[in-house]
Amino acid sequence: MASLMAKGASSKSNRNVNIQLCGAQSVGKTALLEALIKEQDPAQMAKFSEQRANLMSHHQIQVGDKLMKLLDCSGNSRAQHLVKEWFGRSHWVFVVYDMSK
């Protein structure tokens, strides 16, 4: 994953988000992001907690020597049109789903 992050962080383009997390509601997107922030940049946890309930929440976290920009997208149907708009602005889109459902 470190090589993917280095590639995305150094890439020159009009894309302003390195990673977009999307998927159905309550599959663990936010929990996955929370674990990453706790591990890589715990100083960002207060901001993360404040934005947790938003339909779309932008986060910048330090991973090694790179600043990563992440977008946590709600699985709520009200956010679907916003999620699609951000596809073109993201280097990577990670689709998170629950295989037990």
N, C-alpha and C. Protein backbone atom coordinates (compact mmCIF):
# COMPACT_ATOMS: atom_id res chain seq x y z
N MET A 1 0.83 -1.19 0.00
CA MET A 1 0.00 0.00 0.00
C MET A 1 0.87 1.25 0.00
N ALA A 2 2.05 1.19 0.59
CA ALA A 2 2.93 2.35 0.65
C ALA A 2 3.31 2.82 -0.75
N SER A 3 3.56 1.88 -1.68
CA SER A 3 3.91 2.29 -3.03
C SER A 3 2.72 2.94 -3.74
N LEU A 4 1.51 2.46 -3.47
CA LEU A 4 0.32 3.09 -4.04
C LEU A 4 0.16 4.50 -3.52
N MET A 5 0.40 4.70 -2.23
CA MET A 5 0.25 6.02 -1.63
C MET A 5 1.30 6.97 -2.18
N ALA A 6 2.51 6.51 -2.34
CA ALA A 6 3.56 7.37 -2.86
C ALA A 6 3.24 7.78 -4.29
N LYS A 7 2.74 6.86 -5.09
CA LYS A 7 2.39 7.16 -6.47
C LYS A 7 1.27 8.19 -6.54
N GLY A 8 0.23 7.98 -5.75
CA GLY A 8 -0.91 8.90 -5.78
C GLY A 8 -0.58 10.26 -5.24
N ALA A 9 0.25 10.34 -4.23
CA ALA A 9 0.57 11.62 -3.62
C ALA A 9 1.46 12.45 -4.52
N SER A 10 2.25 11.82 -5.38
CA SER A 10 3.17 12.57 -6.20
C SER A 10 2.62 12.83 -7.60
N SER A 11 1.53 12.22 -7.95
CA SER A 11 0.96 12.35 -9.28
C SER A 11 0.41 13.75 -9.51
N LYS A 12 0.72 14.33 -10.69
CA LYS A 12 0.24 15.67 -11.03
C LYS A 12 -1.01 15.53 -11.90
N SER A 13 -2.15 16.05 -11.41
CA SER A 13 -3.38 16.01 -12.18
C SER A 13 -4.39 16.92 -11.51
N ASN A 14 -5.59 16.96 -12.08
CA ASN A 14 -6.64 17.78 -11.48
C ASN A 14 -7.41 17.01 -10.41
N ARG A 15 -6.97 15.85 -10.09
CA ARG A 15 -7.63 15.04 -9.06
C ARG A 15 -7.18 15.55 -7.70
N ASN A 16 -8.14 15.86 -6.84
CA ASN A 16 -7.78 16.45 -5.56
C ASN A 16 -8.06 15.56 -4.36
N VAL A 17 -8.37 14.28 -4.61
CA VAL A 17 -8.53 13.31 -3.53
C VAL A 17 -7.71 12.09 -3.93
N ASN A 18 -6.89 11.59 -3.00
CA ASN A 18 -6.11 10.39 -3.29
C ASN A 18 -6.99 9.15 -3.25
N ILE A 19 -7.80 9.01 -2.20
CA ILE A 19 -8.63 7.82 -2.02
C ILE A 19 -10.05 8.21 -1.64
N GLN A 20 -11.01 7.65 -2.35
CA GLN A 20 -12.43 7.84 -2.03
C GLN A 20 -12.96 6.50 -1.55
N LEU A 21 -13.56 6.50 -0.36
CA LEU A 21 -14.19 5.29 0.18
C LEU A 21 -15.69 5.36 -0.10
N CYS A 22 -16.23 4.36 -0.76
CA CYS A 22 -17.67 4.35 -1.01
C CYS A 22 -18.20 2.93 -0.85
N GLY A 23 -19.51 2.84 -0.69
CA GLY A 23 -20.16 1.55 -0.51
C GLY A 23 -21.49 1.76 0.20
N ALA A 24 -22.19 0.70 0.41
CA ALA A 24 -23.51 0.77 1.05
C ALA A 24 -23.37 1.26 2.49
N GLN A 25 -24.49 1.65 3.04
CA GLN A 25 -24.52 2.16 4.41
C GLN A 25 -24.18 1.04 5.40
N SER A 26 -23.39 1.37 6.40
CA SER A 26 -23.05 0.46 7.52
C SER A 26 -22.22 -0.76 7.13
N VAL A 27 -21.32 -0.60 6.15
CA VAL A 27 -20.45 -1.72 5.79
C VAL A 27 -19.06 -1.60 6.40
N GLY A 28 -18.74 -0.44 6.98
CA GLY A 28 -17.46 -0.29 7.66
C GLY A 28 -16.49 0.69 7.04
N LYS A 29 -16.94 1.54 6.13
CA LYS A 29 -16.06 2.52 5.49
C LYS A 29 -15.43 3.44 6.52
N THR A 30 -16.26 4.00 7.36
CA THR A 30 -15.78 4.95 8.37
C THR A 30 -14.92 4.25 9.41
N ALA A 31 -15.27 3.03 9.78
CA ALA A 31 -14.46 2.27 10.73
C ALA A 31 -13.08 1.97 10.15
N LEU A 32 -13.02 1.66 8.87
CA LEU A 32 -11.75 1.41 8.20
C LEU A 32 -10.89 2.67 8.21
N LEU A 33 -11.49 3.80 7.89
CA LEU A 33 -10.78 5.07 7.90
C LEU A 33 -10.32 5.43 9.31
N GLU A 34 -11.17 5.20 10.29
CA GLU A 34 -10.82 5.49 11.67
C GLU A 34 -9.59 4.68 12.11
N ALA A 35 -9.54 3.42 11.74
CA ALA A 35 -8.39 2.58 12.08
C ALA A 35 -7.12 3.10 11.42
N LEU A 36 -7.22 3.55 10.17
CA LEU A 36 -6.06 4.10 9.46
C LEU A 36 -5.57 5.38 10.14
N ILE A 37 -6.50 6.26 10.51
CA ILE A 37 -6.11 7.50 11.17
C ILE A 37 -5.48 7.23 12.53
N LYS A 38 -6.06 6.33 13.30
CA LYS A 38 -5.50 5.99 14.61
C LYS A 38 -4.07 5.45 14.47
N GLU A 39 -3.84 4.68 13.44
CA GLU A 39 -2.53 4.07 13.24
C GLU A 39 -1.51 5.05 12.68
N GLN A 40 -1.91 5.86 11.70
CA GLN A 40 -0.96 6.69 10.97
C GLN A 40 -0.86 8.14 11.44
N ASP A 41 -1.97 8.74 11.89
CA ASP A 41 -1.97 10.16 12.23
C ASP A 41 -2.98 10.44 13.33
N PRO A 42 -2.72 9.95 14.55
CA PRO A 42 -3.69 10.07 15.65
C PRO A 42 -4.07 11.52 15.99
N ALA A 43 -3.24 12.47 15.64
CA ALA A 43 -3.55 13.88 15.91
C ALA A 43 -4.81 14.33 15.15
N GLN A 44 -5.21 13.61 14.12
CA GLN A 44 -6.38 13.97 13.31
C GLN A 44 -7.69 13.38 13.86
N MET A 45 -7.63 12.63 14.95
CA MET A 45 -8.83 11.96 15.47
C MET A 45 -9.92 12.94 15.91
N ALA A 46 -9.55 14.08 16.48
CA ALA A 46 -10.56 15.06 16.92
C ALA A 46 -11.36 15.56 15.71
N LYS A 47 -10.67 15.93 14.64
CA LYS A 47 -11.35 16.39 13.43
C LYS A 47 -12.20 15.27 12.83
N PHE A 48 -11.66 14.05 12.82
CA PHE A 48 -12.39 12.90 12.30
C PHE A 48 -13.70 12.73 13.07
N SER A 49 -13.64 12.81 14.38
CA SER A 49 -14.83 12.63 15.22
C SER A 49 -15.88 13.71 14.95
N GLU A 50 -15.43 14.94 14.73
CA GLU A 50 -16.36 16.04 14.44
C GLU A 50 -17.10 15.83 13.13
N GLN A 51 -16.42 15.27 12.13
CA GLN A 51 -17.00 15.13 10.79
C GLN A 51 -17.67 13.78 10.55
N ARG A 52 -17.62 12.91 11.50
CA ARG A 52 -18.09 11.53 11.33
C ARG A 52 -19.52 11.42 10.78
N ALA A 53 -20.42 12.29 11.19
CA ALA A 53 -21.83 12.18 10.80
C ALA A 53 -22.13 12.84 9.45
N ASN A 54 -21.18 13.52 8.83
CA ASN A 54 -21.43 14.21 7.56
C ASN A 54 -21.68 13.21 6.42
N LEU A 55 -22.43 13.65 5.40
CA LEU A 55 -22.66 12.82 4.23
C LEU A 55 -21.34 12.56 3.49
N MET A 56 -20.50 13.57 3.42
CA MET A 56 -19.19 13.46 2.78
C MET A 56 -18.20 14.12 3.73
N SER A 57 -17.15 13.42 4.09
CA SER A 57 -16.16 14.05 4.97
C SER A 57 -14.76 13.89 4.37
N HIS A 58 -14.08 15.02 4.27
CA HIS A 58 -12.72 15.07 3.73
C HIS A 58 -11.73 14.98 4.88
N HIS A 59 -10.69 14.21 4.69
CA HIS A 59 -9.67 14.06 5.71
C HIS A 59 -8.30 14.12 5.06
N GLN A 60 -7.36 14.73 5.75
CA GLN A 60 -5.97 14.73 5.33
C GLN A 60 -5.18 14.09 6.46
N ILE A 61 -4.46 13.03 6.13
CA ILE A 61 -3.68 12.35 7.15
C ILE A 61 -2.25 12.16 6.65
N GLN A 62 -1.35 12.18 7.59
CA GLN A 62 0.06 11.97 7.29
C GLN A 62 0.34 10.48 7.34
N VAL A 63 0.84 9.94 6.24
CA VAL A 63 1.22 8.53 6.17
C VAL A 63 2.69 8.51 5.78
N GLY A 64 3.53 8.23 6.75
CA GLY A 64 4.97 8.34 6.50
C GLY A 64 5.31 9.79 6.20
N ASP A 65 5.96 10.02 5.06
CA ASP A 65 6.31 11.40 4.69
C ASP A 65 5.33 12.00 3.68
N LYS A 66 4.22 11.33 3.43
CA LYS A 66 3.22 11.80 2.45
C LYS A 66 1.94 12.26 3.13
N LEU A 67 1.34 13.30 2.59
CA LEU A 67 0.03 13.76 3.05
C LEU A 67 -1.02 13.15 2.13
N MET A 68 -1.90 12.34 2.70
CA MET A 68 -2.95 11.68 1.93
C MET A 68 -4.27 12.39 2.13
N LYS A 69 -4.99 12.60 1.04
CA LYS A 69 -6.32 13.19 1.09
C LYS A 69 -7.33 12.08 0.85
N LEU A 70 -8.24 11.92 1.81
CA LEU A 70 -9.24 10.86 1.73
C LEU A 70 -10.63 11.45 1.81
N LEU A 71 -11.56 10.81 1.13
CA LEU A 71 -12.96 11.21 1.15
C LEU A 71 -13.79 10.03 1.61
N ASP A 72 -14.48 10.21 2.72
CA ASP A 72 -15.35 9.17 3.27
C ASP A 72 -16.77 9.50 2.84
N CYS A 73 -17.36 8.65 2.01
CA CYS A 73 -18.69 8.91 1.44
C CYS A 73 -19.75 8.09 2.16
N SER A 74 -20.82 8.73 2.51
CA SER A 74 -21.94 8.05 3.16
C SER A 74 -22.59 7.08 2.18
N GLY A 75 -23.08 5.98 2.69
CA GLY A 75 -23.84 5.04 1.88
C GLY A 75 -25.30 5.42 1.78
N ASN A 76 -25.65 6.55 2.39
CA ASN A 76 -27.01 7.06 2.39
C ASN A 76 -27.44 7.40 0.96
N SER A 77 -28.67 7.11 0.61
CA SER A 77 -29.15 7.37 -0.75
C SER A 77 -29.12 8.86 -1.10
N ARG A 78 -29.21 9.73 -0.10
CA ARG A 78 -29.14 11.17 -0.36
C ARG A 78 -27.75 11.59 -0.87
N ALA A 79 -26.74 10.78 -0.63
CA ALA A 79 -25.37 11.14 -1.01
C ALA A 79 -24.94 10.52 -2.34
N GLN A 80 -25.77 9.69 -2.95
CA GLN A 80 -25.36 8.96 -4.16
C GLN A 80 -24.89 9.87 -5.28
N HIS A 81 -25.59 10.96 -5.55
CA HIS A 81 -25.18 11.85 -6.64
C HIS A 81 -23.86 12.53 -6.33
N LEU A 82 -23.60 12.82 -5.05
CA LEU A 82 -22.33 13.44 -4.66
C LEU A 82 -21.18 12.46 -4.82
N VAL A 83 -21.42 11.21 -4.46
CA VAL A 83 -20.39 10.17 -4.57
C VAL A 83 -19.94 10.04 -6.02
N LYS A 84 -20.89 9.96 -6.93
CA LYS A 84 -20.57 9.81 -8.36
C LYS A 84 -19.79 11.01 -8.89
N GLU A 85 -20.13 12.21 -8.43
CA GLU A 85 -19.42 13.41 -8.88
C GLU A 85 -17.94 13.36 -8.52
N TRP A 86 -17.61 12.73 -7.41
CA TRP A 86 -16.23 12.70 -6.94
C TRP A 86 -15.39 11.61 -7.59
N PHE A 87 -15.99 10.68 -8.33
CA PHE A 87 -15.21 9.62 -8.98
C PHE A 87 -14.09 10.20 -9.83
N GLY A 88 -14.41 11.21 -10.63
CA GLY A 88 -13.43 11.81 -11.53
C GLY A 88 -12.38 12.63 -10.82
N ARG A 89 -12.60 12.96 -9.57
CA ARG A 89 -11.65 13.77 -8.81
C ARG A 89 -10.76 12.93 -7.91
N SER A 90 -10.91 11.64 -7.96
CA SER A 90 -10.19 10.73 -7.06
C SER A 90 -9.17 9.91 -7.84
N HIS A 91 -8.00 9.71 -7.23
CA HIS A 91 -7.01 8.82 -7.85
C HIS A 91 -7.50 7.38 -7.78
N TRP A 92 -8.01 7.00 -6.61
CA TRP A 92 -8.52 5.64 -6.40
C TRP A 92 -9.87 5.71 -5.72
N VAL A 93 -10.73 4.79 -6.08
CA VAL A 93 -12.02 4.63 -5.41
C VAL A 93 -12.02 3.23 -4.82
N PHE A 94 -12.13 3.17 -3.50
CA PHE A 94 -12.20 1.88 -2.81
C PHE A 94 -13.66 1.60 -2.49
N VAL A 95 -14.18 0.50 -3.03
CA VAL A 95 -15.55 0.10 -2.74
C VAL A 95 -15.49 -0.88 -1.57
N VAL A 96 -16.15 -0.51 -0.48
CA VAL A 96 -16.16 -1.33 0.73
C VAL A 96 -17.53 -1.99 0.82
N TYR A 97 -17.54 -3.29 1.08
CA TYR A 97 -18.81 -3.99 1.19
C TYR A 97 -18.70 -5.07 2.25
N ASP A 98 -19.85 -5.53 2.69
CA ASP A 98 -19.94 -6.55 3.72
C ASP A 98 -20.33 -7.86 3.06
N MET A 99 -19.42 -8.81 3.04
CA MET A 99 -19.68 -10.09 2.37
C MET A 99 -20.64 -10.98 3.13
N SER A 100 -20.95 -10.62 4.38
CA SER A 100 -21.84 -11.47 5.17
C SER A 100 -23.30 -11.18 4.88
N LYS A 101 -23.58 -10.12 4.11
CA LYS A 101 -24.98 -9.78 3.82
C LYS A 101 -25.38 -10.26 2.46
